[in-house]
Amino acid sequence: MRRKFREMVEDLDYEDLTRLHQDINEGTGSYMKDLISDKIRQLEEQELRICTVCGNEINPYYVNDFCLHFGPRDFKKRAYFCALDCLEYFTTQLKRINKKKLSGN
């Protein structure tokens, strides 16, 4: 749900409005800068992923990442990868496991 800036301002209480107003008038912008930085950090932490193969942290805002959805229709799994070689290694191992299952049956 996207909201207009005006709608967000209308939802603020008196204390937040006065702090923002003072921040703008002083020209420092420190309160607003801290508020926005905290929100950006929070969103980035929500999006932080771990590579399934090597365990590296993946931040999609800074790195091109890969995601693979696999498994049966009713129980899909999701795996994240930091690079193509990790994705390739995972699919190779997945093929090897499937071959073992098929040859065992």
N, C-alpha and C. Protein backbone atom coordinates (compact mmCIF):
# COMPACT_ATOMS: atom_id res chain seq x y z
N MET A 1 0.85 -1.17 0.00
CA MET A 1 0.00 0.00 0.00
C MET A 1 0.90 1.24 0.00
N ARG A 2 0.88 1.98 -1.05
CA ARG A 2 1.66 3.21 -1.16
C ARG A 2 0.83 4.37 -0.66
N ARG A 3 1.48 5.25 0.06
CA ARG A 3 0.79 6.41 0.60
C ARG A 3 1.51 7.67 0.16
N LYS A 4 0.78 8.72 0.05
CA LYS A 4 1.35 10.02 -0.27
C LYS A 4 1.98 10.62 0.98
N PHE A 5 2.95 11.48 0.77
CA PHE A 5 3.63 12.12 1.89
C PHE A 5 2.64 12.90 2.74
N ARG A 6 1.69 13.57 2.10
CA ARG A 6 0.68 14.34 2.83
C ARG A 6 -0.11 13.43 3.78
N GLU A 7 -0.46 12.24 3.31
CA GLU A 7 -1.20 11.30 4.16
C GLU A 7 -0.37 10.87 5.37
N MET A 8 0.93 10.69 5.15
CA MET A 8 1.80 10.30 6.26
C MET A 8 1.90 11.43 7.28
N VAL A 9 2.01 12.66 6.81
CA VAL A 9 2.10 13.81 7.72
C VAL A 9 0.81 13.94 8.53
N GLU A 10 -0.32 13.71 7.89
CA GLU A 10 -1.60 13.81 8.60
C GLU A 10 -1.73 12.76 9.70
N ASP A 11 -1.05 11.63 9.56
CA ASP A 11 -1.10 10.58 10.56
C ASP A 11 -0.16 10.81 11.75
N LEU A 12 0.76 11.78 11.63
CA LEU A 12 1.71 12.04 12.71
C LEU A 12 1.03 12.72 13.89
N ASP A 13 1.53 12.43 15.08
CA ASP A 13 1.00 13.13 16.26
C ASP A 13 1.72 14.47 16.43
N TYR A 14 1.26 15.25 17.38
CA TYR A 14 1.76 16.61 17.58
C TYR A 14 3.26 16.62 17.88
N GLU A 15 3.71 15.70 18.72
CA GLU A 15 5.12 15.67 19.12
C GLU A 15 6.03 15.43 17.91
N ASP A 16 5.67 14.45 17.08
CA ASP A 16 6.47 14.18 15.89
C ASP A 16 6.44 15.34 14.91
N LEU A 17 5.29 15.96 14.75
CA LEU A 17 5.19 17.12 13.85
C LEU A 17 6.08 18.26 14.31
N THR A 18 6.07 18.54 15.61
CA THR A 18 6.90 19.65 16.11
C THR A 18 8.38 19.33 15.98
N ARG A 19 8.76 18.07 16.21
CA ARG A 19 10.18 17.69 16.06
C ARG A 19 10.61 17.82 14.60
N LEU A 20 9.77 17.37 13.68
CA LEU A 20 10.11 17.50 12.26
C LEU A 20 10.18 18.97 11.84
N HIS A 21 9.25 19.76 12.33
CA HIS A 21 9.22 21.19 12.01
C HIS A 21 10.49 21.87 12.52
N GLN A 22 10.86 21.58 13.74
CA GLN A 22 12.07 22.15 14.32
C GLN A 22 13.31 21.69 13.55
N ASP A 23 13.33 20.43 13.19
CA ASP A 23 14.44 19.87 12.45
C ASP A 23 14.62 20.58 11.10
N ILE A 24 13.53 20.84 10.43
CA ILE A 24 13.58 21.53 9.13
C ILE A 24 14.01 22.98 9.31
N ASN A 25 13.46 23.65 10.32
CA ASN A 25 13.80 25.06 10.54
C ASN A 25 15.25 25.26 10.93
N GLU A 26 15.80 24.34 11.72
CA GLU A 26 17.20 24.45 12.12
C GLU A 26 18.14 24.13 10.97
N GLY A 27 17.65 23.43 10.00
CA GLY A 27 18.46 23.12 8.83
C GLY A 27 19.40 21.95 9.03
N THR A 28 19.38 21.32 10.21
CA THR A 28 20.29 20.20 10.44
C THR A 28 19.75 18.91 9.85
N GLY A 29 18.46 18.69 10.00
CA GLY A 29 17.84 17.49 9.46
C GLY A 29 18.27 16.22 10.16
N SER A 30 18.89 16.35 11.34
CA SER A 30 19.43 15.16 12.02
C SER A 30 18.33 14.21 12.46
N TYR A 31 17.22 14.73 12.97
CA TYR A 31 16.12 13.86 13.41
C TYR A 31 15.54 13.10 12.24
N MET A 32 15.28 13.81 11.14
CA MET A 32 14.72 13.17 9.96
C MET A 32 15.72 12.18 9.35
N LYS A 33 16.99 12.57 9.32
CA LYS A 33 18.01 11.70 8.77
C LYS A 33 18.11 10.40 9.58
N ASP A 34 18.10 10.51 10.90
CA ASP A 34 18.17 9.33 11.76
C ASP A 34 16.94 8.45 11.57
N LEU A 35 15.77 9.07 11.49
CA LEU A 35 14.52 8.34 11.31
C LEU A 35 14.53 7.56 10.00
N ILE A 36 14.94 8.21 8.94
CA ILE A 36 14.98 7.56 7.62
C ILE A 36 16.06 6.49 7.58
N SER A 37 17.22 6.76 8.17
CA SER A 37 18.30 5.77 8.19
C SER A 37 17.88 4.52 8.94
N ASP A 38 17.18 4.69 10.06
CA ASP A 38 16.70 3.54 10.82
C ASP A 38 15.71 2.71 10.01
N LYS A 39 14.83 3.38 9.28
CA LYS A 39 13.84 2.66 8.46
C LYS A 39 14.52 1.91 7.32
N ILE A 40 15.52 2.53 6.69
CA ILE A 40 16.25 1.86 5.61
C ILE A 40 16.98 0.63 6.15
N ARG A 41 17.64 0.78 7.30
CA ARG A 41 18.34 -0.34 7.92
C ARG A 41 17.37 -1.48 8.26
N GLN A 42 16.21 -1.12 8.76
CA GLN A 42 15.19 -2.12 9.11
C GLN A 42 14.73 -2.88 7.86
N LEU A 43 14.50 -2.16 6.77
CA LEU A 43 14.08 -2.82 5.52
C LEU A 43 15.18 -3.71 4.96
N GLU A 44 16.44 -3.25 5.06
CA GLU A 44 17.56 -4.05 4.57
C GLU A 44 17.72 -5.32 5.39
N GLU A 45 17.53 -5.23 6.71
CA GLU A 45 17.65 -6.41 7.56
C GLU A 45 16.55 -7.42 7.26
N GLN A 46 15.37 -6.94 6.90
CA GLN A 46 14.28 -7.85 6.54
C GLN A 46 14.61 -8.61 5.27
N GLU A 47 15.34 -7.96 4.37
CA GLU A 47 15.66 -8.55 3.09
C GLU A 47 16.96 -9.35 3.10
N LEU A 48 17.68 -9.36 4.23
CA LEU A 48 18.95 -10.05 4.31
C LEU A 48 18.73 -11.54 4.17
N ARG A 49 19.47 -12.17 3.31
CA ARG A 49 19.35 -13.61 3.06
C ARG A 49 20.72 -14.26 3.26
N ILE A 50 20.71 -15.57 3.41
CA ILE A 50 21.93 -16.35 3.56
C ILE A 50 22.02 -17.32 2.38
N CYS A 51 23.20 -17.38 1.75
CA CYS A 51 23.41 -18.30 0.63
C CYS A 51 23.30 -19.73 1.15
N THR A 52 22.53 -20.55 0.45
CA THR A 52 22.29 -21.93 0.85
C THR A 52 23.55 -22.77 0.80
N VAL A 53 24.46 -22.46 -0.11
CA VAL A 53 25.65 -23.29 -0.31
C VAL A 53 26.82 -22.83 0.57
N CYS A 54 27.19 -21.56 0.47
CA CYS A 54 28.41 -21.11 1.15
C CYS A 54 28.15 -20.37 2.46
N GLY A 55 26.91 -19.98 2.72
CA GLY A 55 26.58 -19.33 3.98
C GLY A 55 26.86 -17.84 4.02
N ASN A 56 27.25 -17.23 2.90
CA ASN A 56 27.48 -15.78 2.86
C ASN A 56 26.16 -15.03 3.00
N GLU A 57 26.22 -13.86 3.62
CA GLU A 57 25.05 -13.01 3.70
C GLU A 57 24.80 -12.37 2.34
N ILE A 58 23.54 -12.31 1.95
CA ILE A 58 23.15 -11.72 0.67
C ILE A 58 22.23 -10.55 0.96
N ASN A 59 22.62 -9.36 0.53
CA ASN A 59 21.76 -8.20 0.65
C ASN A 59 21.33 -7.81 -0.76
N PRO A 60 20.07 -8.02 -1.13
CA PRO A 60 19.64 -7.79 -2.51
C PRO A 60 19.74 -6.33 -2.96
N TYR A 61 19.92 -5.40 -2.02
CA TYR A 61 20.09 -4.00 -2.41
C TYR A 61 21.48 -3.73 -2.96
N TYR A 62 22.44 -4.61 -2.64
CA TYR A 62 23.82 -4.38 -3.05
C TYR A 62 24.39 -5.47 -3.95
N VAL A 63 23.75 -6.64 -3.99
CA VAL A 63 24.28 -7.78 -4.72
C VAL A 63 23.17 -8.40 -5.56
N ASN A 64 23.52 -8.84 -6.77
CA ASN A 64 22.57 -9.62 -7.56
C ASN A 64 22.50 -11.01 -6.96
N ASP A 65 21.33 -11.41 -6.52
CA ASP A 65 21.19 -12.72 -5.91
C ASP A 65 20.29 -13.60 -6.76
N PHE A 66 20.28 -14.88 -6.44
CA PHE A 66 19.48 -15.83 -7.18
C PHE A 66 18.61 -16.60 -6.19
N CYS A 67 17.41 -16.93 -6.63
CA CYS A 67 16.47 -17.66 -5.78
C CYS A 67 15.90 -18.81 -6.60
N LEU A 68 15.86 -19.99 -5.99
CA LEU A 68 15.34 -21.18 -6.66
C LEU A 68 14.19 -21.73 -5.84
N HIS A 69 13.04 -21.89 -6.49
CA HIS A 69 11.87 -22.53 -5.87
C HIS A 69 11.83 -23.96 -6.38
N PHE A 70 11.77 -24.91 -5.46
CA PHE A 70 11.79 -26.31 -5.88
C PHE A 70 10.99 -27.15 -4.89
N GLY A 71 10.75 -28.38 -5.28
CA GLY A 71 10.02 -29.31 -4.42
C GLY A 71 8.66 -29.62 -4.99
N PRO A 72 7.92 -30.52 -4.31
CA PRO A 72 6.58 -30.88 -4.78
C PRO A 72 5.63 -29.69 -4.73
N ARG A 73 4.59 -29.76 -5.52
CA ARG A 73 3.63 -28.66 -5.63
C ARG A 73 3.07 -28.19 -4.29
N ASP A 74 2.81 -29.12 -3.41
CA ASP A 74 2.18 -28.76 -2.14
C ASP A 74 3.19 -28.41 -1.04
N PHE A 75 4.48 -28.54 -1.33
CA PHE A 75 5.49 -28.23 -0.32
C PHE A 75 6.72 -27.62 -0.99
N LYS A 76 6.55 -26.43 -1.57
CA LYS A 76 7.64 -25.75 -2.25
C LYS A 76 8.67 -25.25 -1.24
N LYS A 77 9.92 -25.30 -1.63
CA LYS A 77 11.02 -24.78 -0.82
C LYS A 77 11.68 -23.66 -1.61
N ARG A 78 12.38 -22.80 -0.90
CA ARG A 78 13.05 -21.68 -1.53
C ARG A 78 14.50 -21.67 -1.05
N ALA A 79 15.43 -21.56 -2.00
CA ALA A 79 16.85 -21.49 -1.68
C ALA A 79 17.44 -20.24 -2.32
N TYR A 80 18.31 -19.55 -1.58
CA TYR A 80 18.96 -18.33 -2.07
C TYR A 80 20.43 -18.59 -2.33
N PHE A 81 20.96 -17.93 -3.36
CA PHE A 81 22.36 -18.11 -3.74
C PHE A 81 22.99 -16.77 -4.02
N CYS A 82 24.27 -16.64 -3.65
CA CYS A 82 24.97 -15.37 -3.82
C CYS A 82 25.61 -15.25 -5.20
N ALA A 83 25.82 -16.37 -5.88
CA ALA A 83 26.48 -16.34 -7.19
C ALA A 83 26.05 -17.55 -8.01
N LEU A 84 26.37 -17.49 -9.29
CA LEU A 84 25.98 -18.58 -10.19
C LEU A 84 26.68 -19.89 -9.85
N ASP A 85 27.92 -19.84 -9.37
CA ASP A 85 28.62 -21.08 -9.06
C ASP A 85 27.96 -21.80 -7.88
N CYS A 86 27.43 -21.04 -6.91
CA CYS A 86 26.71 -21.67 -5.79
C CYS A 86 25.41 -22.31 -6.29
N LEU A 87 24.72 -21.62 -7.19
CA LEU A 87 23.49 -22.16 -7.77
C LEU A 87 23.79 -23.43 -8.56
N GLU A 88 24.86 -23.39 -9.35
CA GLU A 88 25.25 -24.55 -10.14
C GLU A 88 25.63 -25.74 -9.24
N TYR A 89 26.37 -25.48 -8.20
CA TYR A 89 26.75 -26.54 -7.26
C TYR A 89 25.50 -27.17 -6.63
N PHE A 90 24.56 -26.32 -6.23
CA PHE A 90 23.32 -26.81 -5.60
C PHE A 90 22.54 -27.69 -6.56
N THR A 91 22.37 -27.24 -7.81
CA THR A 91 21.59 -28.03 -8.77
C THR A 91 22.30 -29.34 -9.11
N THR A 92 23.62 -29.32 -9.17
CA THR A 92 24.38 -30.56 -9.42
C THR A 92 24.15 -31.55 -8.29
N GLN A 93 24.21 -31.08 -7.06
CA GLN A 93 23.99 -31.96 -5.91
C GLN A 93 22.54 -32.46 -5.88
N LEU A 94 21.61 -31.59 -6.25
CA LEU A 94 20.20 -31.98 -6.28
C LEU A 94 19.97 -33.08 -7.32
N LYS A 95 20.62 -32.97 -8.49
CA LYS A 95 20.53 -34.00 -9.52
C LYS A 95 21.11 -35.32 -9.01
N ARG A 96 22.25 -35.24 -8.32
CA ARG A 96 22.90 -36.44 -7.79
C ARG A 96 22.00 -37.15 -6.78
N ILE A 97 21.36 -36.38 -5.91
CA ILE A 97 20.45 -36.96 -4.91
C ILE A 97 19.25 -37.60 -5.58
N ASN A 98 18.69 -36.94 -6.60
CA ASN A 98 17.54 -37.51 -7.32
C ASN A 98 17.91 -38.80 -8.05
N LYS A 99 19.12 -38.86 -8.62
CA LYS A 99 19.57 -40.08 -9.29
C LYS A 99 19.69 -41.22 -8.29
N LYS A 100 20.21 -40.93 -7.10
CA LYS A 100 20.33 -41.97 -6.07
C LYS A 100 18.96 -42.48 -5.66
N LYS A 101 18.01 -41.55 -5.52
CA LYS A 101 16.64 -41.95 -5.14
C LYS A 101 16.03 -42.85 -6.21
N LEU A 102 16.21 -42.47 -7.49
CA LEU A 102 15.63 -43.24 -8.59
C LEU A 102 16.30 -44.60 -8.73
N SER A 103 17.61 -44.65 -8.56
CA SER A 103 18.30 -45.94 -8.69
C SER A 103 18.03 -46.84 -7.49
N GLY A 104 17.73 -46.27 -6.34
CA GLY A 104 17.42 -47.04 -5.14
C GLY A 104 16.03 -47.65 -5.18
N ASN A 105 15.12 -47.06 -5.94
CA ASN A 105 13.74 -47.57 -6.03
C ASN A 105 13.63 -48.61 -7.06
